Amino acid sequence: MAAQRIPAVLAAVQIMKDEGVDLVFGCPGAALLPLYAAMEEAAGPVHEFTHGTFTHGT
């Protein structure tokens, strides 16, 4: 059976889902927009915008 070829961003989202990632933190930029679009399309991890800090539980 031949390996299935998929875009790198979809592979990254699938790996995150396989590893149980459900929340991704970061500062969005033009280079990451395809990844965020793939996460939304695949119902993958949710992106949480951070402004340089992360406060757990608030």
N, C-alpha and C. Protein backbone atom coordinates (compact mmCIF):
# COMPACT_ATOMS: atom_id res chain seq x y z
N MET A 1 0.86 -1.18 0.00
CA MET A 1 0.00 0.00 0.00
C MET A 1 0.90 1.24 0.00
N ALA A 2 0.58 2.18 -0.86
CA ALA A 2 1.35 3.43 -0.94
C ALA A 2 1.00 4.35 0.22
N ALA A 3 1.99 5.07 0.67
CA ALA A 3 1.76 6.04 1.74
C ALA A 3 0.87 7.17 1.23
N GLN A 4 -0.01 7.63 2.09
CA GLN A 4 -0.90 8.74 1.74
C GLN A 4 -0.13 10.04 1.89
N ARG A 5 -0.22 10.90 0.89
CA ARG A 5 0.44 12.20 0.94
C ARG A 5 -0.58 13.25 1.35
N ILE A 6 -0.24 14.00 2.41
CA ILE A 6 -1.11 15.08 2.88
C ILE A 6 -0.23 16.29 3.15
N PRO A 7 -0.81 17.49 3.13
CA PRO A 7 -0.04 18.69 3.45
C PRO A 7 0.56 18.62 4.86
N ALA A 8 1.70 19.24 5.03
CA ALA A 8 2.41 19.22 6.32
C ALA A 8 1.55 19.76 7.45
N VAL A 9 0.77 20.81 7.19
CA VAL A 9 -0.05 21.38 8.28
C VAL A 9 -1.11 20.38 8.75
N LEU A 10 -1.68 19.60 7.82
CA LEU A 10 -2.66 18.59 8.23
C LEU A 10 -1.99 17.46 8.99
N ALA A 11 -0.76 17.11 8.59
CA ALA A 11 -0.01 16.09 9.33
C ALA A 11 0.28 16.58 10.74
N ALA A 12 0.66 17.85 10.88
CA ALA A 12 0.94 18.41 12.20
C ALA A 12 -0.30 18.38 13.08
N VAL A 13 -1.44 18.73 12.52
CA VAL A 13 -2.69 18.72 13.29
C VAL A 13 -3.04 17.29 13.70
N GLN A 14 -2.85 16.33 12.79
CA GLN A 14 -3.16 14.94 13.12
C GLN A 14 -2.25 14.43 14.24
N ILE A 15 -0.99 14.80 14.21
CA ILE A 15 -0.07 14.40 15.28
C ILE A 15 -0.51 15.02 16.61
N MET A 16 -0.90 16.30 16.59
CA MET A 16 -1.36 16.94 17.83
C MET A 16 -2.59 16.22 18.37
N LYS A 17 -3.53 15.88 17.48
CA LYS A 17 -4.73 15.16 17.92
C LYS A 17 -4.37 13.79 18.47
N ASP A 18 -3.47 13.08 17.79
CA ASP A 18 -3.05 11.75 18.24
C ASP A 18 -2.38 11.81 19.62
N GLU A 19 -1.69 12.90 19.90
CA GLU A 19 -0.99 13.06 21.17
C GLU A 19 -1.87 13.65 22.27
N GLY A 20 -3.12 13.95 21.96
CA GLY A 20 -4.06 14.45 22.96
C GLY A 20 -3.99 15.95 23.20
N VAL A 21 -3.36 16.68 22.29
CA VAL A 21 -3.28 18.14 22.43
C VAL A 21 -4.65 18.72 22.13
N ASP A 22 -5.17 19.53 23.04
CA ASP A 22 -6.46 20.16 22.79
C ASP A 22 -6.41 21.68 22.86
N LEU A 23 -5.28 22.24 23.24
CA LEU A 23 -5.13 23.69 23.35
C LEU A 23 -3.72 24.08 22.96
N VAL A 24 -3.61 25.05 22.07
CA VAL A 24 -2.31 25.53 21.58
C VAL A 24 -2.21 27.01 21.90
N PHE A 25 -1.10 27.41 22.48
CA PHE A 25 -0.89 28.81 22.84
C PHE A 25 0.13 29.41 21.90
N GLY A 26 -0.03 30.68 21.58
CA GLY A 26 0.95 31.35 20.75
C GLY A 26 0.45 32.67 20.23
N CYS A 27 1.32 33.34 19.54
CA CYS A 27 1.03 34.62 18.93
C CYS A 27 0.89 34.39 17.42
N PRO A 28 -0.30 34.56 16.87
CA PRO A 28 -0.48 34.26 15.46
C PRO A 28 0.28 35.23 14.56
N GLY A 29 0.68 34.72 13.44
CA GLY A 29 1.34 35.54 12.43
C GLY A 29 1.05 34.94 11.07
N ALA A 30 1.41 35.64 10.05
CA ALA A 30 1.10 35.20 8.69
C ALA A 30 1.65 33.81 8.39
N ALA A 31 2.81 33.48 8.92
CA ALA A 31 3.42 32.17 8.64
C ALA A 31 2.62 31.03 9.26
N LEU A 32 1.89 31.29 10.33
CA LEU A 32 1.14 30.24 11.02
C LEU A 32 -0.33 30.16 10.62
N LEU A 33 -0.79 31.08 9.80
CA LEU A 33 -2.20 31.07 9.43
C LEU A 33 -2.64 29.76 8.78
N PRO A 34 -1.82 29.15 7.91
CA PRO A 34 -2.25 27.84 7.36
C PRO A 34 -2.42 26.77 8.44
N LEU A 35 -1.57 26.80 9.47
CA LEU A 35 -1.71 25.84 10.56
C LEU A 35 -2.99 26.09 11.33
N TYR A 36 -3.30 27.34 11.64
CA TYR A 36 -4.53 27.65 12.36
C TYR A 36 -5.76 27.26 11.54
N ALA A 37 -5.70 27.49 10.24
CA ALA A 37 -6.81 27.10 9.36
C ALA A 37 -6.99 25.59 9.36
N ALA A 38 -5.88 24.85 9.32
CA ALA A 38 -5.96 23.39 9.34
C ALA A 38 -6.50 22.89 10.67
N MET A 39 -6.12 23.53 11.77
CA MET A 39 -6.64 23.12 13.08
C MET A 39 -8.14 23.32 13.13
N GLU A 40 -8.62 24.42 12.58
CA GLU A 40 -10.06 24.68 12.58
C GLU A 40 -10.79 23.70 11.66
N GLU A 41 -10.24 23.48 10.48
CA GLU A 41 -10.86 22.59 9.50
C GLU A 41 -10.96 21.15 10.02
N ALA A 42 -9.94 20.70 10.71
CA ALA A 42 -9.91 19.32 11.19
C ALA A 42 -10.47 19.17 12.60
N ALA A 43 -11.09 20.21 13.12
CA ALA A 43 -11.59 20.20 14.50
C ALA A 43 -10.49 19.73 15.44
N GLY A 44 -9.31 20.30 15.22
CA GLY A 44 -8.14 19.95 16.02
C GLY A 44 -8.03 20.82 17.26
N PRO A 45 -6.81 20.97 17.76
CA PRO A 45 -6.61 21.79 18.96
C PRO A 45 -7.11 23.22 18.74
N VAL A 46 -7.53 23.83 19.81
CA VAL A 46 -8.00 25.21 19.79
C VAL A 46 -6.80 26.12 20.06
N HIS A 47 -6.71 27.22 19.32
CA HIS A 47 -5.62 28.17 19.52
C HIS A 47 -6.05 29.23 20.52
N GLU A 48 -5.21 29.47 21.50
CA GLU A 48 -5.44 30.52 22.50
C GLU A 48 -4.39 31.59 22.28
N PHE A 49 -4.82 32.79 21.92
CA PHE A 49 -3.89 33.89 21.71
C PHE A 49 -3.28 34.31 23.03
N THR A 50 -1.98 34.46 23.05
CA THR A 50 -1.32 34.95 24.26
C THR A 50 -0.55 36.21 23.90
N HIS A 51 -0.44 37.05 24.86
CA HIS A 51 0.29 38.32 24.66
C HIS A 51 1.54 38.30 25.53
N GLY A 52 2.32 37.23 25.35
CA GLY A 52 3.58 37.12 26.07
C GLY A 52 3.48 36.48 27.43
N THR A 53 2.26 36.20 27.91
CA THR A 53 2.13 35.58 29.23
C THR A 53 1.09 34.50 29.17
N PHE A 54 1.16 33.57 30.07
CA PHE A 54 0.17 32.51 30.21
C PHE A 54 -0.17 32.39 31.68
N THR A 55 -1.44 32.50 32.00
CA THR A 55 -1.88 32.35 33.38
C THR A 55 -2.77 31.14 33.46
N HIS A 56 -2.33 30.11 34.14
CA HIS A 56 -3.07 28.87 34.23
C HIS A 56 -4.26 29.03 35.19
N GLY A 57 -5.42 28.61 34.70
CA GLY A 57 -6.59 28.58 35.57
C GLY A 57 -7.31 29.89 35.74
N THR A 58 -6.96 30.90 34.95
CA THR A 58 -7.69 32.17 35.09
C THR A 58 -8.32 32.56 33.80
